[in-house]
Protein backbone atom coordinates (compact mmCIF):
# COMPACT_ATOMS: atom_id res chain seq x y z
CA MET A 1 29.66 4.59 105.41
CA GLU A 2 29.37 1.73 102.94
CA LYS A 3 31.90 1.68 100.12
CA LYS A 4 30.89 0.85 96.55
CA TYR A 5 31.89 -2.73 95.85
CA HIS A 6 34.31 -2.39 92.93
CA ILE A 7 35.79 1.09 93.28
CA GLN A 8 35.94 0.88 97.11
CA LEU A 9 34.92 4.51 97.58
CA ASP A 10 32.22 6.21 99.62
CA LYS A 11 30.70 9.70 99.60
CA ASP A 12 32.89 11.02 102.39
CA GLN A 13 36.07 10.15 100.48
CA ILE A 14 35.18 12.00 97.29
CA LYS A 15 34.31 15.21 99.19
CA ASN A 16 31.49 16.39 96.93
CA ALA A 17 33.50 16.01 93.72
CA GLN A 18 31.29 16.54 90.67
CA TYR A 19 33.89 15.72 88.02
CA ALA A 20 35.54 12.35 87.50
CA LEU A 21 38.51 11.91 85.17
CA LEU A 22 38.70 8.38 83.80
CA PRO A 23 41.97 6.98 82.44
CA GLY A 24 42.12 3.30 81.61
CA ASP A 25 45.59 2.70 83.02
CA PRO A 26 45.84 2.71 86.85
CA ALA A 27 49.43 4.00 86.51
CA ARG A 28 48.11 7.12 84.79
CA VAL A 29 45.97 8.18 87.76
CA GLN A 30 48.72 9.55 89.98
CA LYS A 31 50.42 11.31 87.06
CA CYS A 32 47.22 13.13 86.18
CA ALA A 33 46.13 13.93 89.72
CA GLU A 34 49.51 15.38 90.70
CA ALA A 35 49.87 17.31 87.44
CA ILE A 36 46.58 19.02 88.28
CA ASN A 37 47.54 19.57 91.93
CA PRO A 38 50.76 18.30 93.57
CA ASN A 39 48.85 17.82 96.82
CA ALA A 40 46.58 15.13 95.35
CA VAL A 41 45.72 12.29 97.72
CA LYS A 42 45.42 8.58 96.99
CA LEU A 43 42.04 7.16 97.98
CA ALA A 44 41.76 3.52 96.98
CA CYS A 45 43.14 0.72 94.84
CA ASN A 46 41.00 -2.31 94.07
CA ARG A 47 41.20 -4.45 90.93
CA GLU A 48 41.56 -2.07 87.96
CA TYR A 49 40.16 0.87 89.95
CA THR A 50 42.84 3.17 91.39
CA SER A 51 41.62 6.57 92.58
CA TYR A 52 43.08 9.89 93.70
CA LEU A 53 41.41 13.09 94.83
CA THR A 54 42.83 16.26 93.34
CA SER A 55 41.54 19.83 93.09
CA ILE A 56 41.45 23.06 91.08
CA ASN A 57 40.55 26.36 92.76
CA ASP A 58 39.25 24.51 95.85
CA THR A 59 37.00 22.33 93.67
CA ASN A 60 37.58 18.62 94.26
CA ILE A 61 38.07 16.37 91.26
CA LEU A 62 38.25 12.59 91.32
CA VAL A 63 40.65 10.67 89.09
CA CYS A 64 39.75 6.98 88.83
CA SER A 65 41.06 4.36 86.41
CA THR A 66 38.62 2.07 84.64
CA GLY A 67 40.81 -0.61 83.12
CA ILE A 68 40.41 -1.43 79.44
CA GLY A 69 37.07 -1.57 77.64
CA GLY A 70 33.38 -0.90 78.07
CA PRO A 71 32.32 -3.37 80.80
CA SER A 72 34.79 -2.14 83.42
CA THR A 73 34.12 1.48 82.41
CA ALA A 74 30.40 0.93 82.92
CA ILE A 75 30.97 -0.41 86.44
CA CYS A 76 33.11 2.60 87.33
CA VAL A 77 30.66 5.17 85.98
CA GLU A 78 27.70 3.42 87.61
CA GLU A 79 29.27 3.35 91.06
CA LEU A 80 30.62 6.91 90.85
CA ALA A 81 27.20 8.16 89.75
CA GLN A 82 25.73 6.46 92.81
CA LEU A 83 28.11 8.59 94.89
CA GLY A 84 26.82 11.76 93.26
CA ILE A 85 29.29 12.46 90.45
CA LYS A 86 27.56 13.84 87.35
CA ASN A 87 30.38 14.73 84.94
CA PHE A 88 32.84 12.26 83.42
CA ILE A 89 35.84 12.88 81.19
CA ARG A 90 37.61 9.91 79.71
CA PHE A 91 41.26 10.43 78.74
CA GLY A 92 43.63 7.91 77.22
CA THR A 93 45.82 6.92 74.31
CA THR A 94 44.59 5.98 70.88
CA GLY A 95 45.47 4.88 67.37
CA ALA A 96 44.69 7.34 64.59
CA ILE A 97 43.40 5.96 61.29
CA GLN A 98 43.49 9.14 59.19
CA PRO A 99 46.82 9.88 57.45
CA TYR A 100 46.73 13.59 58.29
CA ILE A 101 46.75 12.98 62.07
CA SER A 102 50.29 13.15 63.41
CA ILE A 103 51.61 11.51 66.56
CA PRO A 104 51.41 12.64 69.24
CA SER A 105 48.41 14.90 68.70
CA LEU A 106 45.09 15.21 70.52
CA ILE A 107 41.70 13.85 69.46
CA ILE A 108 38.51 15.20 71.01
CA THR A 109 35.68 12.78 70.40
CA THR A 110 32.22 14.23 69.71
CA GLY A 111 30.52 10.97 68.73
CA THR A 112 31.36 7.30 68.50
CA VAL A 113 30.73 4.31 66.26
CA ARG A 114 29.31 1.73 68.68
CA LEU A 115 31.36 -1.41 68.01
CA ASP A 116 31.11 -2.45 71.65
CA GLY A 117 28.63 -4.65 73.48
CA ALA A 118 28.32 -2.90 76.84
CA SER A 119 26.54 0.18 75.46
CA LYS A 120 23.71 -2.04 74.20
CA HIS A 121 22.88 -2.84 77.82
CA TYR A 122 21.94 0.83 78.29
CA ALA A 123 20.26 1.75 75.01
CA PRO A 124 19.45 0.11 71.65
CA ILE A 125 22.00 0.40 68.85
CA GLU A 126 19.98 3.17 67.15
CA TYR A 127 20.65 5.41 70.16
CA PRO A 128 23.57 7.78 69.46
CA ALA A 129 26.80 7.77 71.46
CA VAL A 130 27.59 11.48 71.68
CA ALA A 131 29.65 13.68 73.97
CA ASP A 132 28.20 16.45 76.10
CA PHE A 133 28.46 19.71 74.15
CA GLU A 134 29.78 21.79 77.05
CA ILE A 135 32.50 19.30 77.98
CA ALA A 136 33.56 18.83 74.35
CA ASN A 137 33.86 22.60 73.93
CA ALA A 138 35.95 22.83 77.10
CA LEU A 139 38.31 20.15 75.81
CA ILE A 140 38.71 22.07 72.55
CA TYR A 141 39.48 25.17 74.61
CA GLY A 142 42.10 23.20 76.57
CA ALA A 143 43.80 21.98 73.42
CA LYS A 144 43.90 25.51 72.00
CA LYS A 145 45.16 26.95 75.29
CA THR A 146 48.12 24.56 75.31
CA ASN A 147 48.84 25.15 71.60
CA GLU A 148 48.63 21.45 70.79
CA GLU A 149 47.63 19.98 67.45
CA TYR A 150 44.12 18.61 67.87
CA HIS A 151 41.36 17.03 65.83
CA VAL A 152 37.65 16.93 66.61
CA GLY A 153 35.21 14.31 65.38
CA ILE A 154 34.08 10.71 65.43
CA SER A 155 35.87 7.75 67.01
CA ALA A 156 35.24 4.03 66.69
CA ALA A 157 35.02 2.15 69.99
CA SER A 158 35.76 -1.56 69.78
CA ASP A 159 35.42 -4.26 72.43
CA THR A 160 38.68 -5.81 71.25
CA PHE A 161 42.12 -4.38 70.62
CA TYR A 162 42.98 -6.83 67.83
CA PRO A 163 40.17 -8.13 65.53
CA GLY A 164 37.66 -5.33 66.23
CA GLN A 165 40.28 -2.82 65.14
CA GLU A 166 41.25 -5.00 62.17
CA ARG A 167 44.75 -5.82 63.36
CA TYR A 168 46.49 -8.75 61.71
CA ASP A 169 49.60 -8.87 63.95
CA THR A 170 47.96 -11.58 66.04
CA TYR A 171 48.38 -15.22 66.97
CA SER A 172 46.04 -16.40 64.19
CA GLU A 173 46.81 -13.54 61.75
CA TYR A 174 43.12 -13.74 60.86
CA VAL A 175 40.22 -11.32 61.24
CA ILE A 176 36.67 -12.60 60.88
CA LYS A 177 34.67 -11.43 57.86
CA ASP A 178 32.57 -8.98 59.86
CA PHE A 179 35.67 -6.87 60.51
CA GLN A 180 37.64 -7.39 57.30
CA GLY A 181 37.91 -4.10 55.42
CA THR A 182 36.32 -2.09 58.21
CA MET A 183 39.27 0.20 58.84
CA LYS A 184 39.16 1.38 55.23
CA GLU A 185 35.42 1.93 55.56
CA TRP A 186 35.79 4.00 58.74
CA GLN A 187 38.52 6.04 57.05
CA LYS A 188 36.19 6.73 54.13
CA LEU A 189 33.48 7.79 56.59
CA ASN A 190 35.87 10.27 58.28
CA VAL A 191 36.26 8.37 61.55
CA LEU A 192 39.43 9.63 63.25
CA ASN A 193 40.62 6.83 65.48
CA TYR A 194 40.06 3.56 67.31
CA GLU A 195 39.68 3.28 71.06
CA MET A 196 37.70 1.09 73.45
CA GLU A 197 35.60 3.05 75.95
CA SER A 198 33.77 6.06 74.50
CA ALA A 199 30.76 4.20 73.11
CA THR A 200 29.91 2.79 76.52
CA LEU A 201 30.66 6.03 78.36
CA PHE A 202 28.72 8.32 76.02
CA THR A 203 25.71 6.03 75.68
CA MET A 204 25.24 5.38 79.38
CA ALA A 205 25.88 9.03 80.30
CA SER A 206 23.18 10.29 77.94
CA ALA A 207 20.78 7.51 78.93
CA LEU A 208 21.27 8.16 82.65
CA GLY A 209 21.14 11.95 82.50
CA LEU A 210 24.88 12.41 83.12
CA LYS A 211 27.48 14.34 81.11
CA ALA A 212 30.56 12.89 79.45
CA GLY A 213 33.41 13.83 77.16
CA MET A 214 36.64 12.35 75.89
CA ILE A 215 40.13 13.47 74.94
CA SER A 216 42.83 11.12 73.74
CA SER A 217 46.42 11.34 72.60
CA THR A 218 47.66 9.47 69.55
CA ILE A 219 50.53 7.03 70.08
CA ALA A 220 49.96 5.11 66.85
CA SER A 221 49.19 5.88 63.23
CA ARG A 222 47.44 2.83 61.85
CA VAL A 223 48.18 3.91 58.29
CA LYS A 224 51.88 3.41 59.10
CA ALA A 225 52.14 0.64 61.73
CA GLU A 226 49.98 -1.78 63.69
CA LYS A 227 51.70 -1.27 67.04
CA PRO A 228 51.76 1.85 69.28
CA ASP A 229 54.99 3.79 69.67
CA ASP A 230 55.90 3.61 73.36
CA SER A 231 58.85 5.98 72.87
CA ILE A 232 56.42 8.90 72.72
CA LEU A 233 54.07 7.65 75.45
CA HIS A 234 55.20 10.03 78.20
CA LEU A 235 55.09 13.06 75.90
CA ALA A 236 51.66 12.05 74.62
CA GLU A 237 50.33 11.62 78.16
CA MET A 238 51.59 15.00 79.35
CA LYS A 239 50.24 16.88 76.32
CA MET A 240 46.83 15.36 77.00
CA ILE A 241 46.88 15.95 80.77
CA LEU A 242 47.86 19.61 80.42
CA ALA A 243 45.07 20.22 77.90
CA LEU A 244 42.67 18.41 80.22
CA LYS A 245 43.72 20.63 83.12
CA GLU A 246 42.99 23.76 81.10
CA ALA A 247 39.61 22.32 80.13
CA LEU A 248 38.76 21.75 83.78
CA ILE A 249 39.77 25.31 84.71
CA TYR A 250 37.43 26.51 81.96
CA LEU A 251 34.57 24.31 83.16
CA ILE A 252 34.95 25.11 86.85
CA GLY A 253 35.40 28.82 86.30
């Protein structure tokens, strides 16, 4: 059976999985898959796309990394949808921009400011980037079940980690005028955090008749520091993965 070009997977390998969990980091795939089920099996590794098959209550679940940003996420979702997967949950780390959000805590994204370019290849900018209601509710359930601090609301998804998120700790120490002052504006508009994939994922899922949601764990507070705090990375990852597991149990039934 022919494998999809980028993810190097075919229908036989995913064994009728209907849910795909999408971290950006390939190193996060095994951690997540084995936390869900220690008997998870590695399937493929090609470019930024590393995949494992795991399961809950005899229901197969695919975990596949996307790399960073919208374009590589779009490729992953497109090829997985071609294999029959209909439900996608993005999970990753993020930088909070509201002062009341502590680190590490969970953010469940219900809608996204489309600062990316890839989503515009699926729908015009007026088209909303919103999460599937059922998946978002399940993620809230998972956060409550694990007794983690969580926040629900709007994220901003940028194509760039530095200027699009108004970071000045860069080579040039300059941000173009279009992005100067934007973090303060998003704060005023009650946006919770910056990340880089949800706009593409939500837009293409809605446009293609798929379902998508997102949960992230904060490893930076942009009101305090530009850079993420790697000392809490493992804790942040595990809090998120355990909440995600509970959400999947809720969804699968």
